[in-house]
Amino acid sequence: MKKIALAALAISLIATPAAFAQQQNYKGGHYGHQQDRVVKKQVVTKTVVVKKTRWSRGHALPSTYRRNVVRDYHRYHLKTPPRGYQWVRADNDYALISITSGIISALVQAR
């Protein structure tokens, strides 16, 4: 009985690697890799939307535009801003805004 059990165990240990072995094919220098690939072409079209915002006095300027501070206002033929105000470039306009609230007090179109 022991001989039969040992023989069965030996056969199962020898047969196990053969069961897990993969078939390897030589194709173009790569072993086991398939060369058939499907390439899907995708075309993306982008639409550009240009928004022109009309600024007006008394309205608050959004915070994204408040970062574009004009320091050399004389170069753009702008007056010196009063204390507590600053010139800001918004789109193609220059706006004189309050530093604390961002309210527009004057507008000048860029040249």
PDB file of N, CA and C in Angstrom:
ATOM      1  N   MET A   1       0.801  -1.177   0.000  1.00  0.00           N
ATOM      2  CA  MET A   1       0.000   0.000   0.000  1.00  0.00           C
ATOM      3  C   MET A   1       0.860   1.264   0.000  1.00  0.00           C
ATOM      4  N   LYS A   2       1.930   1.229   0.791  1.00  0.00           N
ATOM      5  CA  LYS A   2       2.817   2.378   0.841  1.00  0.00           C
ATOM      6  C   LYS A   2       3.462   2.640  -0.513  1.00  0.00           C
ATOM      7  N   LYS A   3       3.807   1.567  -1.234  1.00  0.00           N
ATOM      8  CA  LYS A   3       4.437   1.721  -2.548  1.00  0.00           C
ATOM      9  C   LYS A   3       3.483   2.375  -3.534  1.00  0.00           C
ATOM     10  N   ILE A   4       2.212   2.030  -3.473  1.00  0.00           N
ATOM     11  CA  ILE A   4       1.221   2.622  -4.388  1.00  0.00           C
ATOM     12  C   ILE A   4       1.022   4.107  -4.062  1.00  0.00           C
ATOM     13  N   ALA A   5       0.985   4.428  -2.801  1.00  0.00           N
ATOM     14  CA  ALA A   5       0.806   5.825  -2.378  1.00  0.00           C
ATOM     15  C   ALA A   5       2.026   6.658  -2.772  1.00  0.00           C
ATOM     16  N   LEU A   6       3.216   6.118  -2.565  1.00  0.00           N
ATOM     17  CA  LEU A   6       4.430   6.845  -2.954  1.00  0.00           C
ATOM     18  C   LEU A   6       4.524   7.006  -4.466  1.00  0.00           C
ATOM     19  N   ALA A   7       4.101   6.012  -5.227  1.00  0.00           N
ATOM     20  CA  ALA A   7       4.119   6.100  -6.687  1.00  0.00           C
ATOM     21  C   ALA A   7       3.127   7.168  -7.162  1.00  0.00           C
ATOM     22  N   ALA A   8       1.943   7.200  -6.557  1.00  0.00           N
ATOM     23  CA  ALA A   8       0.929   8.196  -6.929  1.00  0.00           C
ATOM     24  C   ALA A   8       1.410   9.606  -6.584  1.00  0.00           C
ATOM     25  N   LEU A   9       2.065   9.751  -5.438  1.00  0.00           N
ATOM     26  CA  LEU A   9       2.605  11.043  -5.033  1.00  0.00           C
ATOM     27  C   LEU A   9       3.713  11.494  -5.979  1.00  0.00           C
ATOM     28  N   ALA A  10       4.586  10.593  -6.365  1.00  0.00           N
ATOM     29  CA  ALA A  10       5.683  10.915  -7.284  1.00  0.00           C
ATOM     30  C   ALA A  10       5.134  11.315  -8.649  1.00  0.00           C
ATOM     31  N   ILE A  11       4.136  10.606  -9.138  1.00  0.00           N
ATOM     32  CA  ILE A  11       3.547  10.937 -10.444  1.00  0.00           C
ATOM     33  C   ILE A  11       2.859  12.299 -10.389  1.00  0.00           C
ATOM     34  N   SER A  12       2.171  12.604  -9.291  1.00  0.00           N
ATOM     35  CA  SER A  12       1.487  13.900  -9.190  1.00  0.00           C
ATOM     36  C   SER A  12       2.497  15.047  -9.105  1.00  0.00           C
ATOM     37  N   LEU A  13       3.634  14.840  -8.436  1.00  0.00           N
ATOM     38  CA  LEU A  13       4.661  15.884  -8.360  1.00  0.00           C
ATOM     39  C   LEU A  13       5.321  16.104  -9.717  1.00  0.00           C
ATOM     40  N   ILE A  14       5.492  15.068 -10.489  1.00  0.00           N
ATOM     41  CA  ILE A  14       6.103  15.191 -11.817  1.00  0.00           C
ATOM     42  C   ILE A  14       5.116  15.796 -12.810  1.00  0.00           C
ATOM     43  N   ALA A  15       3.848  15.464 -12.717  1.00  0.00           N
ATOM     44  CA  ALA A  15       2.834  15.920 -13.676  1.00  0.00           C
ATOM     45  C   ALA A  15       2.371  17.352 -13.411  1.00  0.00           C
ATOM     46  N   THR A  16       2.537  17.873 -12.208  1.00  0.00           N
ATOM     47  CA  THR A  16       2.049  19.215 -11.862  1.00  0.00           C
ATOM     48  C   THR A  16       2.692  20.313 -12.713  1.00  0.00           C
ATOM     49  N   PRO A  17       4.024  20.376 -12.882  1.00  0.00           N
ATOM     50  CA  PRO A  17       4.589  21.432 -13.731  1.00  0.00           C
ATOM     51  C   PRO A  17       4.148  21.317 -15.185  1.00  0.00           C
ATOM     52  N   ALA A  18       3.913  20.134 -15.648  1.00  0.00           N
ATOM     53  CA  ALA A  18       3.473  19.954 -17.033  1.00  0.00           C
ATOM     54  C   ALA A  18       2.071  20.501 -17.222  1.00  0.00           C
ATOM     55  N   ALA A  19       1.236  20.437 -16.185  1.00  0.00           N
ATOM     56  CA  ALA A  19      -0.136  20.940 -16.287  1.00  0.00           C
ATOM     57  C   ALA A  19      -0.153  22.461 -16.366  1.00  0.00           C
ATOM     58  N   PHE A  20       0.797  23.129 -15.700  1.00  0.00           N
ATOM     59  CA  PHE A  20       0.832  24.583 -15.681  1.00  0.00           C
ATOM     60  C   PHE A  20       1.698  25.179 -16.778  1.00  0.00           C
ATOM     61  N   ALA A  21       2.361  24.375 -17.550  1.00  0.00           N
ATOM     62  CA  ALA A  21       3.231  24.880 -18.612  1.00  0.00           C
ATOM     63  C   ALA A  21       2.386  25.509 -19.714  1.00  0.00           C
ATOM     64  N   GLN A  22       2.872  26.650 -20.255  1.00  0.00           N
ATOM     65  CA  GLN A  22       2.171  27.329 -21.328  1.00  0.00           C
ATOM     66  C   GLN A  22       2.840  26.991 -22.642  1.00  0.00           C
ATOM     67  N   GLN A  23       2.035  26.968 -23.659  1.00  0.00           N
ATOM     68  CA  GLN A  23       2.587  26.723 -24.987  1.00  0.00           C
ATOM     69  C   GLN A  23       3.244  28.003 -25.463  1.00  0.00           C
ATOM     70  N   GLN A  24       4.472  27.933 -25.908  1.00  0.00           N
ATOM     71  CA  GLN A  24       5.207  29.100 -26.342  1.00  0.00           C
ATOM     72  C   GLN A  24       5.407  29.023 -27.847  1.00  0.00           C
ATOM     73  N   ASN A  25       5.011  30.072 -28.502  1.00  0.00           N
ATOM     74  CA  ASN A  25       5.155  30.153 -29.959  1.00  0.00           C
ATOM     75  C   ASN A  25       6.173  31.230 -30.294  1.00  0.00           C
ATOM     76  N   TYR A  26       6.994  30.968 -31.281  1.00  0.00           N
ATOM     77  CA  TYR A  26       7.957  31.964 -31.735  1.00  0.00           C
ATOM     78  C   TYR A  26       7.341  32.739 -32.882  1.00  0.00           C
ATOM     79  N   LYS A  27       7.090  34.045 -32.620  1.00  0.00           N
ATOM     80  CA  LYS A  27       6.534  34.918 -33.670  1.00  0.00           C
ATOM     81  C   LYS A  27       7.292  36.235 -33.646  1.00  0.00           C
ATOM     82  N   GLY A  28       8.123  36.430 -34.594  1.00  0.00           N
ATOM     83  CA  GLY A  28       8.783  37.721 -34.767  1.00  0.00           C
ATOM     84  C   GLY A  28       9.666  38.161 -33.617  1.00  0.00           C
ATOM     85  N   GLY A  29      10.321  37.257 -32.943  1.00  0.00           N
ATOM     86  CA  GLY A  29      11.274  37.656 -31.921  1.00  0.00           C
ATOM     87  C   GLY A  29      10.688  37.724 -30.525  1.00  0.00           C
ATOM     88  N   HIS A  30       9.391  37.573 -30.378  1.00  0.00           N
ATOM     89  CA  HIS A  30       8.772  37.615 -29.060  1.00  0.00           C
ATOM     90  C   HIS A  30       8.151  36.251 -28.777  1.00  0.00           C
ATOM     91  N   TYR A  31       8.485  35.678 -27.675  1.00  0.00           N
ATOM     92  CA  TYR A  31       7.956  34.371 -27.311  1.00  0.00           C
ATOM     93  C   TYR A  31       6.638  34.543 -26.573  1.00  0.00           C
ATOM     94  N   GLY A  32       5.606  33.885 -27.064  1.00  0.00           N
ATOM     95  CA  GLY A  32       4.346  33.850 -26.348  1.00  0.00           C
ATOM     96  C   GLY A  32       3.506  35.106 -26.447  1.00  0.00           C
ATOM     97  N   HIS A  33       3.922  36.136 -27.149  1.00  0.00           N
ATOM     98  CA  HIS A  33       3.153  37.368 -27.270  1.00  0.00           C
ATOM     99  C   HIS A  33       2.453  37.389 -28.619  1.00  0.00           C
ATOM    100  N   GLN A  34       1.235  37.795 -28.609  1.00  0.00           N
ATOM    101  CA  GLN A  34       0.503  37.873 -29.867  1.00  0.00           C
ATOM    102  C   GLN A  34       0.798  39.216 -30.529  1.00  0.00           C
ATOM    103  N   GLN A  35       0.927  39.196 -31.834  1.00  0.00           N
ATOM    104  CA  GLN A  35       1.246  40.395 -32.582  1.00  0.00           C
ATOM    105  C   GLN A  35       0.011  41.089 -33.143  1.00  0.00           C
ATOM    106  N   ASP A  36      -1.155  40.485 -32.987  1.00  0.00           N
ATOM    107  CA  ASP A  36      -2.377  41.089 -33.513  1.00  0.00           C
ATOM    108  C   ASP A  36      -2.864  42.154 -32.534  1.00  0.00           C
ATOM    109  N   ARG A  37      -2.878  43.394 -33.000  1.00  0.00           N
ATOM    110  CA  ARG A  37      -3.332  44.502 -32.159  1.00  0.00           C
ATOM    111  C   ARG A  37      -4.370  45.296 -32.921  1.00  0.00           C
ATOM    112  N   VAL A  38      -5.332  45.772 -32.206  1.00  0.00           N
ATOM    113  CA  VAL A  38      -6.378  46.595 -32.802  1.00  0.00           C
ATOM    114  C   VAL A  38      -6.149  48.022 -32.332  1.00  0.00           C
ATOM    115  N   VAL A  39      -6.021  48.936 -33.286  1.00  0.00           N
ATOM    116  CA  VAL A  39      -5.807  50.335 -32.963  1.00  0.00           C
ATOM    117  C   VAL A  39      -7.099  51.075 -33.256  1.00  0.00           C
ATOM    118  N   LYS A  40      -7.641  51.701 -32.216  1.00  0.00           N
ATOM    119  CA  LYS A  40      -8.859  52.481 -32.385  1.00  0.00           C
ATOM    120  C   LYS A  40      -8.484  53.946 -32.470  1.00  0.00           C
ATOM    121  N   LYS A  41      -8.898  54.581 -33.527  1.00  0.00           N
ATOM    122  CA  LYS A  41      -8.591  55.986 -33.730  1.00  0.00           C
ATOM    123  C   LYS A  41      -9.754  56.812 -33.218  1.00  0.00           C
ATOM    124  N   GLN A  42      -9.434  57.780 -32.385  1.00  0.00           N
ATOM    125  CA  GLN A  42     -10.465  58.619 -31.808  1.00  0.00           C
ATOM    126  C   GLN A  42     -10.159  60.068 -32.156  1.00  0.00           C
ATOM    127  N   VAL A  43     -11.117  60.734 -32.730  1.00  0.00           N
ATOM    128  CA  VAL A  43     -10.948  62.124 -33.138  1.00  0.00           C
ATOM    129  C   VAL A  43     -11.673  63.006 -32.126  1.00  0.00           C
ATOM    130  N   VAL A  44     -10.956  63.966 -31.577  1.00  0.00           N
ATOM    131  CA  VAL A  44     -11.532  64.878 -30.597  1.00  0.00           C
ATOM    132  C   VAL A  44     -11.560  66.268 -31.207  1.00  0.00           C
ATOM    133  N   THR A  45     -12.719  66.859 -31.225  1.00  0.00           N
ATOM    134  CA  THR A  45     -12.838  68.224 -31.713  1.00  0.00           C
ATOM    135  C   THR A  45     -13.143  69.126 -30.537  1.00  0.00           C
ATOM    136  N   LYS A  46     -12.415  70.210 -30.464  1.00  0.00           N
ATOM    137  CA  LYS A  46     -12.598  71.147 -29.360  1.00  0.00           C
ATOM    138  C   LYS A  46     -13.298  72.390 -29.884  1.00  0.00           C
ATOM    139  N   THR A  47     -14.251  72.845 -29.135  1.00  0.00           N
ATOM    140  CA  THR A  47     -14.918  74.090 -29.483  1.00  0.00           C
ATOM    141  C   THR A  47     -14.463  75.154 -28.497  1.00  0.00           C
ATOM    142  N   VAL A  48     -14.086  76.285 -29.037  1.00  0.00           N
ATOM    143  CA  VAL A  48     -13.610  77.386 -28.222  1.00  0.00           C
ATOM    144  C   VAL A  48     -14.737  78.401 -28.103  1.00  0.00           C
ATOM    145  N   VAL A  49     -15.105  78.694 -26.881  1.00  0.00           N
ATOM    146  CA  VAL A  49     -16.154  79.661 -26.623  1.00  0.00           C
ATOM    147  C   VAL A  49     -15.494  80.903 -26.055  1.00  0.00           C
ATOM    148  N   VAL A  50     -15.674  82.016 -26.739  1.00  0.00           N
ATOM    149  CA  VAL A  50     -15.107  83.277 -26.293  1.00  0.00           C
ATOM    150  C   VAL A  50     -16.240  84.095 -25.684  1.00  0.00           C
ATOM    151  N   LYS A  51     -16.092  84.374 -24.406  1.00  0.00           N
ATOM    152  CA  LYS A  51     -17.100  85.181 -23.728  1.00  0.00           C
ATOM    153  C   LYS A  51     -16.564  86.593 -23.555  1.00  0.00           C
ATOM    154  N   LYS A  52     -17.319  87.541 -23.974  1.00  0.00           N
ATOM    155  CA  LYS A  52     -16.952  88.932 -23.786  1.00  0.00           C
ATOM    156  C   LYS A  52     -17.859  89.492 -22.701  1.00  0.00           C
ATOM    157  N   THR A  53     -17.276  89.784 -21.571  1.00  0.00           N
ATOM    158  CA  THR A  53     -18.038  90.315 -20.458  1.00  0.00           C
ATOM    159  C   THR A  53     -18.025  91.826 -20.532  1.00  0.00           C
ATOM    160  N   ARG A  54     -19.167  92.408 -20.366  1.00  0.00           N
ATOM    161  CA  ARG A  54     -19.254  93.872 -20.344  1.00  0.00           C
ATOM    162  C   ARG A  54     -19.174  94.330 -18.897  1.00  0.00           C
ATOM    163  N   TRP A  55     -18.100  94.994 -18.593  1.00  0.00           N
ATOM    164  CA  TRP A  55     -17.908  95.495 -17.244  1.00  0.00           C
ATOM    165  C   TRP A  55     -18.645  96.820 -17.123  1.00  0.00           C
ATOM    166  N   SER A  56     -19.131  97.123 -15.934  1.00  0.00           N
ATOM    167  CA  SER A  56     -19.786  98.413 -15.710  1.00  0.00           C
ATOM    168  C   SER A  56     -19.466  98.900 -14.309  1.00  0.00           C
ATOM    169  N   ARG A  57     -19.560 100.199 -14.145  1.00  0.00           N
ATOM    170  CA  ARG A  57     -19.250 100.816 -12.863  1.00  0.00           C
ATOM    171  C   ARG A  57     -20.239 100.348 -11.805  1.00  0.00           C
ATOM    172  N   GLY A  58     -19.736 100.161 -10.585  1.00  0.00           N
ATOM    173  CA  GLY A  58     -20.579  99.768  -9.466  1.00  0.00           C
ATOM    174  C   GLY A  58     -20.685  98.266  -9.285  1.00  0.00           C
ATOM    175  N   HIS A  59     -20.271  97.487 -10.273  1.00  0.00           N
ATOM    176  CA  HIS A  59     -20.312  96.033 -10.157  1.00  0.00           C
ATOM    177  C   HIS A  59     -18.971  95.538  -9.611  1.00  0.00           C
ATOM    178  N   ALA A  60     -19.010  94.393  -8.944  1.00  0.00           N
ATOM    179  CA  ALA A  60     -17.788  93.813  -8.398  1.00  0.00           C
ATOM    180  C   ALA A  60     -17.068  93.020  -9.488  1.00  0.00           C
ATOM    181  N   LEU A  61     -15.770  93.191  -9.559  1.00  0.00           N
ATOM    182  CA  LEU A  61     -14.940  92.448 -10.504  1.00  0.00           C
ATOM    183  C   LEU A  61     -14.641  91.074  -9.911  1.00  0.00           C
ATOM    184  N   PRO A  62     -14.782  89.983 -10.689  1.00  0.00           N
ATOM    185  CA  PRO A  62     -14.480  88.653 -10.141  1.00  0.00           C
ATOM    186  C   PRO A  62     -13.029  88.550  -9.676  1.00  0.00           C
ATOM    187  N   SER A  63     -12.809  87.688  -8.694  1.00  0.00           N
ATOM    188  CA  SER A  63     -11.481  87.591  -8.077  1.00  0.00           C
ATOM    189  C   SER A  63     -10.416  87.085  -9.042  1.00  0.00           C
ATOM    190  N   THR A  64     -10.807  86.392 -10.120  1.00  0.00           N
ATOM    191  CA  THR A  64      -9.812  85.901 -11.078  1.00  0.00           C
ATOM    192  C   THR A  64      -9.149  87.049 -11.819  1.00  0.00           C
ATOM    193  N   TYR A  65      -9.852  88.160 -12.004  1.00  0.00           N
ATOM    194  CA  TYR A  65      -9.285  89.306 -12.707  1.00  0.00           C
ATOM    195  C   TYR A  65      -8.528  90.245 -11.769  1.00  0.00           C
ATOM    196  N   ARG A  66      -8.748  90.132 -10.484  1.00  0.00           N
ATOM    197  CA  ARG A  66      -8.117  91.061  -9.544  1.00  0.00           C
ATOM    198  C   ARG A  66      -6.617  90.830  -9.411  1.00  0.00           C
ATOM    199  N   ARG A  67      -6.131  89.706  -9.934  1.00  0.00           N
ATOM    200  CA  ARG A  67      -4.685  89.415  -9.853  1.00  0.00           C
ATOM    201  C   ARG A  67      -3.877  90.138 -10.922  1.00  0.00           C
ATOM    202  N   ASN A  68      -4.534  90.644 -11.966  1.00  0.00           N
ATOM    203  CA  ASN A  68      -3.827  91.276 -13.083  1.00  0.00           C
ATOM    204  C   ASN A  68      -3.614  92.762 -12.811  1.00  0.00           C
ATOM    205  N   VAL A  69      -2.890  93.058 -11.767  1.00  0.00           N
ATOM    206  CA  VAL A  69      -2.676  94.442 -11.346  1.00  0.00           C
ATOM    207  C   VAL A  69      -1.705  95.119 -12.301  1.00  0.00           C
ATOM    208  N   VAL A  70      -2.047  96.370 -12.690  1.00  0.00           N
ATOM    209  CA  VAL A  70      -1.183  97.169 -13.575  1.00  0.00           C
ATOM    210  C   VAL A  70      -0.371  98.100 -12.690  1.00  0.00           C
ATOM    211  N   ARG A  71       0.923  97.839 -12.594  1.00  0.00           N
ATOM    212  CA  ARG A  71       1.798  98.676 -11.755  1.00  0.00           C
ATOM    213  C   ARG A  71       2.312  99.899 -12.511  1.00  0.00           C
ATOM    214  N   ASP A  72       2.588  99.740 -13.805  1.00  0.00           N
ATOM    215  CA  ASP A  72       3.115 100.855 -14.600  1.00  0.00           C
ATOM    216  C   ASP A  72       1.977 101.504 -15.399  1.00  0.00           C
ATOM    217  N   TYR A  73       1.060 102.123 -14.670  1.00  0.00           N
ATOM    218  CA  TYR A  73      -0.141 102.684 -15.288  1.00  0.00           C
ATOM    219  C   TYR A  73       0.174 103.870 -16.186  1.00  0.00           C
ATOM    220  N   HIS A  74       1.266 104.583 -15.973  1.00  0.00           N
ATOM    221  CA  HIS A  74       1.625 105.713 -16.848  1.00  0.00           C
ATOM    222  C   HIS A  74       1.975 105.222 -18.248  1.00  0.00           C
ATOM    223  N   ARG A  75       2.499 104.026 -18.353  1.00  0.00           N
ATOM    224  CA  ARG A  75       2.832 103.458 -19.657  1.00  0.00           C
ATOM    225  C   ARG A  75       1.580 103.281 -20.517  1.00  0.00           C
ATOM    226  N   TYR A  76       0.463 102.998 -19.872  1.00  0.00           N
ATOM    227  CA  TYR A  76      -0.789 102.796 -20.590  1.00  0.00           C
ATOM    228  C   TYR A  76      -1.663 104.051 -20.595  1.00  0.00           C
ATOM    229  N   HIS A  77      -1.084 105.171 -20.239  1.00  0.00           N
ATOM    230  CA  HIS A  77      -1.762 106.476 -20.223  1.00  0.00           C
ATOM    231  C   HIS A  77      -2.958 106.472 -19.280  1.00  0.00           C
ATOM    232  N   LEU A  78      -2.761 105.895 -18.102  1.00  0.00           N
ATOM    233  CA  LEU A  78      -3.794 105.874 -17.077  1.00  0.00           C
ATOM    234  C   LEU A  78      -3.410 106.842 -15.968  1.00  0.00           C
ATOM    235  N   LYS A  79      -4.401 107.402 -15.306  1.00  0.00           N
ATOM    236  CA  LYS A  79      -4.153 108.330 -14.207  1.00  0.00           C
ATOM    237  C   LYS A  79      -3.653 107.562 -12.992  1.00  0.00           C
ATOM    238  N   THR A  80      -2.988 108.272 -12.097  1.00  0.00           N
ATOM    239  CA  THR A  80      -2.533 107.667 -10.854  1.00  0.00           C
ATOM    240  C   THR A  80      -3.762 107.301 -10.016  1.00  0.00           C
ATOM    241  N   PRO A  81      -3.845 106.065  -9.554  1.00  0.00           N
ATOM    242  CA  PRO A  81      -5.033 105.680  -8.777  1.00  0.00           C
ATOM    243  C   PRO A  81      -5.024 106.319  -7.392  1.00  0.00           C
ATOM    244  N   PRO A  82      -6.197 106.696  -6.894  1.00  0.00           N
ATOM    245  CA  PRO A  82      -6.262 107.239  -5.531  1.00  0.00           C
ATOM    246  C   PRO A  82      -5.902 106.169  -4.502  1.00  0.00           C
ATOM    247  N   ARG A  83      -5.679 106.601  -3.253  1.00  0.00           N
ATOM    248  CA  ARG A  83      -5.334 105.654  -2.198  1.00  0.00           C
ATOM    249  C   ARG A  83      -6.502 104.687  -1.979  1.00  0.00           C
ATOM    250  N   GLY A  84      -6.188 103.391  -1.934  1.00  0.00           N
ATOM    251  CA  GLY A  84      -7.201 102.371  -1.731  1.00  0.00           C
ATOM    252  C   GLY A  84      -7.751 101.807  -3.032  1.00  0.00           C
ATOM    253  N   TYR A  85      -7.229 102.279  -4.170  1.00  0.00           N
ATOM    254  CA  TYR A  85      -7.672 101.794  -5.486  1.00  0.00           C
ATOM    255  C   TYR A  85      -6.468 101.308  -6.267  1.00  0.00           C
ATOM    256  N   GLN A  86      -6.731 100.495  -7.290  1.00  0.00           N
ATOM    257  CA  GLN A  86      -5.661 100.020  -8.167  1.00  0.00           C
ATOM    258  C   GLN A  86      -6.224  99.743  -9.557  1.00  0.00           C
ATOM    259  N   TRP A  87      -5.358  99.870 -10.555  1.00  0.00           N
ATOM    260  CA  TRP A  87      -5.737  99.548 -11.929  1.00  0.00           C
ATOM    261  C   TRP A  87      -5.536  98.057 -12.155  1.00  0.00           C
ATOM    262  N   VAL A  88      -6.511  97.449 -12.827  1.00  0.00           N
ATOM    263  CA  VAL A  88      -6.476  96.022 -13.109  1.00  0.00           C
ATOM    264  C   VAL A  88      -6.836  95.827 -14.571  1.00  0.00           C
ATOM    265  N   ARG A  89      -6.127  94.910 -15.248  1.00  0.00           N
ATOM    266  CA  ARG A  89      -6.473  94.599 -16.638  1.00  0.00           C
ATOM    267  C   ARG A  89      -7.470  93.444 -16.639  1.00  0.00           C
ATOM    268  N   ALA A  90      -8.642  93.688 -17.227  1.00  0.00           N
ATOM    269  CA  ALA A  90      -9.695  92.681 -17.331  1.00  0.00           C
ATOM    270  C   ALA A  90     -10.071  92.567 -18.799  1.00  0.00           C
ATOM    271  N   ASP A  91      -9.755  91.423 -19.396  1.00  0.00           N
ATOM    272  CA  ASP A  91      -9.944  91.198 -20.833  1.00  0.00           C
ATOM    273  C   ASP A  91      -9.167  92.264 -21.603  1.00  0.00           C
ATOM    274  N   ASN A  92      -9.844  93.120 -22.347  1.00  0.00           N
ATOM    275  CA  ASN A  92      -9.162  94.168 -23.110  1.00  0.00           C
ATOM    276  C   ASN A  92      -9.501  95.539 -22.534  1.00  0.00           C
ATOM    277  N   ASP A  93      -9.788  95.588 -21.253  1.00  0.00           N
ATOM    278  CA  ASP A  93     -10.138  96.844 -20.577  1.00  0.00           C
ATOM    279  C   ASP A  93      -9.250  97.018 -19.354  1.00  0.00           C
ATOM    280  N   TYR A  94      -9.140  98.271 -18.917  1.00  0.00           N
ATOM    281  CA  TYR A  94      -8.490  98.577 -17.652  1.00  0.00           C
ATOM    282  C   TYR A  94      -9.574  99.065 -16.711  1.00  0.00           C
ATOM    283  N   ALA A  95      -9.612  98.486 -15.518  1.00  0.00           N
ATOM    284  CA  ALA A  95     -10.635  98.851 -14.542  1.00  0.00           C
ATOM    285  C   ALA A  95      -9.953  99.392 -13.298  1.00  0.00           C
ATOM    286  N   LEU A  96     -10.461 100.508 -12.809  1.00  0.00           N
ATOM    287  CA  LEU A  96     -10.002 101.065 -11.538  1.00  0.00           C
ATOM    288  C   LEU A  96     -10.921 100.493 -10.473  1.00  0.00           C
ATOM    289  N   ILE A  97     -10.368  99.641  -9.609  1.00  0.00           N
ATOM    290  CA  ILE A  97     -11.200  98.959  -8.622  1.00  0.00           C
ATOM    291  C   ILE A  97     -10.742  99.287  -7.218  1.00  0.00           C
ATOM    292  N   SER A  98     -11.657  99.131  -6.291  1.00  0.00           N
ATOM    293  CA  SER A  98     -11.339  99.271  -4.883  1.00  0.00           C
ATOM    294  C   SER A  98     -10.567  98.023  -4.453  1.00  0.00           C
ATOM    295  N   ILE A  99      -9.493  98.206  -3.710  1.00  0.00           N
ATOM    296  CA  ILE A  99      -8.658  97.077  -3.316  1.00  0.00           C
ATOM    297  C   ILE A  99      -9.407  96.152  -2.376  1.00  0.00           C
ATOM    298  N   THR A 100     -10.185  96.701  -1.461  1.00  0.00           N
ATOM    299  CA  THR A 100     -10.842  95.875  -0.455  1.00  0.00           C
ATOM    300  C   THR A 100     -12.062  95.140  -0.984  1.00  0.00           C
ATOM    301  N   SER A 101     -12.908  95.806  -1.768  1.00  0.00           N
ATOM    302  CA  SER A 101     -14.170  95.188  -2.190  1.00  0.00           C
ATOM    303  C   SER A 101     -14.171  94.717  -3.639  1.00  0.00           C
ATOM    304  N   GLY A 102     -13.338  95.292  -4.472  1.00  0.00           N
ATOM    305  CA  GLY A 102     -13.304  94.912  -5.881  1.00  0.00           C
ATOM    306  C   GLY A 102     -14.373  95.595  -6.723  1.00  0.00           C
ATOM    307  N   ILE A 103     -15.004  96.634  -6.193  1.00  0.00           N
ATOM    308  CA  ILE A 103     -16.026  97.381  -6.923  1.00  0.00           C
ATOM    309  C   ILE A 103     -15.351  98.254  -7.970  1.00  0.00           C
ATOM    310  N   ILE A 104     -15.885  98.231  -9.192  1.00  0.00           N
ATOM    311  CA  ILE A 104     -15.321  99.011 -10.305  1.00  0.00           C
ATOM    312  C   ILE A 104     -15.771 100.446 -10.177  1.00  0.00           C
ATOM    313  N   SER A 105     -14.808 101.389 -10.214  1.00  0.00           N
ATOM    314  CA  SER A 105     -15.167 102.808 -10.148  1.00  0.00           C
ATOM    315  C   SER A 105     -14.899 103.515 -11.470  1.00  0.00           C
ATOM    316  N   ALA A 106     -14.034 102.963 -12.340  1.00  0.00           N
ATOM    317  CA  ALA A 106     -13.783 103.571 -13.646  1.00  0.00           C
ATOM    318  C   ALA A 106     -13.319 102.488 -14.615  1.00  0.00           C
ATOM    319  N   LEU A 107     -13.619 102.709 -15.899  1.00  0.00           N
ATOM    320  CA  LEU A 107     -13.218 101.782 -16.955  1.00  0.00           C
ATOM    321  C   LEU A 107     -12.555 102.538 -18.083  1.00  0.00           C
ATOM    322  N   VAL A 108     -11.513 101.953 -18.659  1.00  0.00           N
ATOM    323  CA  VAL A 108     -10.825 102.516 -19.821  1.00  0.00           C
ATOM    324  C   VAL A 108     -10.555 101.361 -20.770  1.00  0.00           C
ATOM    325  N   GLN A 109     -10.867 101.559 -22.075  1.00  0.00           N
ATOM    326  CA  GLN A 109     -10.573 100.528 -23.049  1.00  0.00           C
ATOM    327  C   GLN A 109      -9.106 100.566 -23.418  1.00  0.00           C
ATOM    328  N   ALA A 110      -8.529  99.397 -23.618  1.00  0.00           N
ATOM    329  CA  ALA A 110      -7.122  99.305 -24.021  1.00  0.00           C
ATOM    330  C   ALA A 110      -6.980  99.751 -25.471  1.00  0.00           C
ATOM    331  N   ARG A 111      -5.822 100.278 -25.782  1.00  0.00           N
ATOM    332  CA  ARG A 111      -5.600 100.759 -27.152  1.00  0.00           C
ATOM    333  C   ARG A 111      -4.956  99.719 -27.988  1.00  0.00           C
TER     334      ARG A 111
END
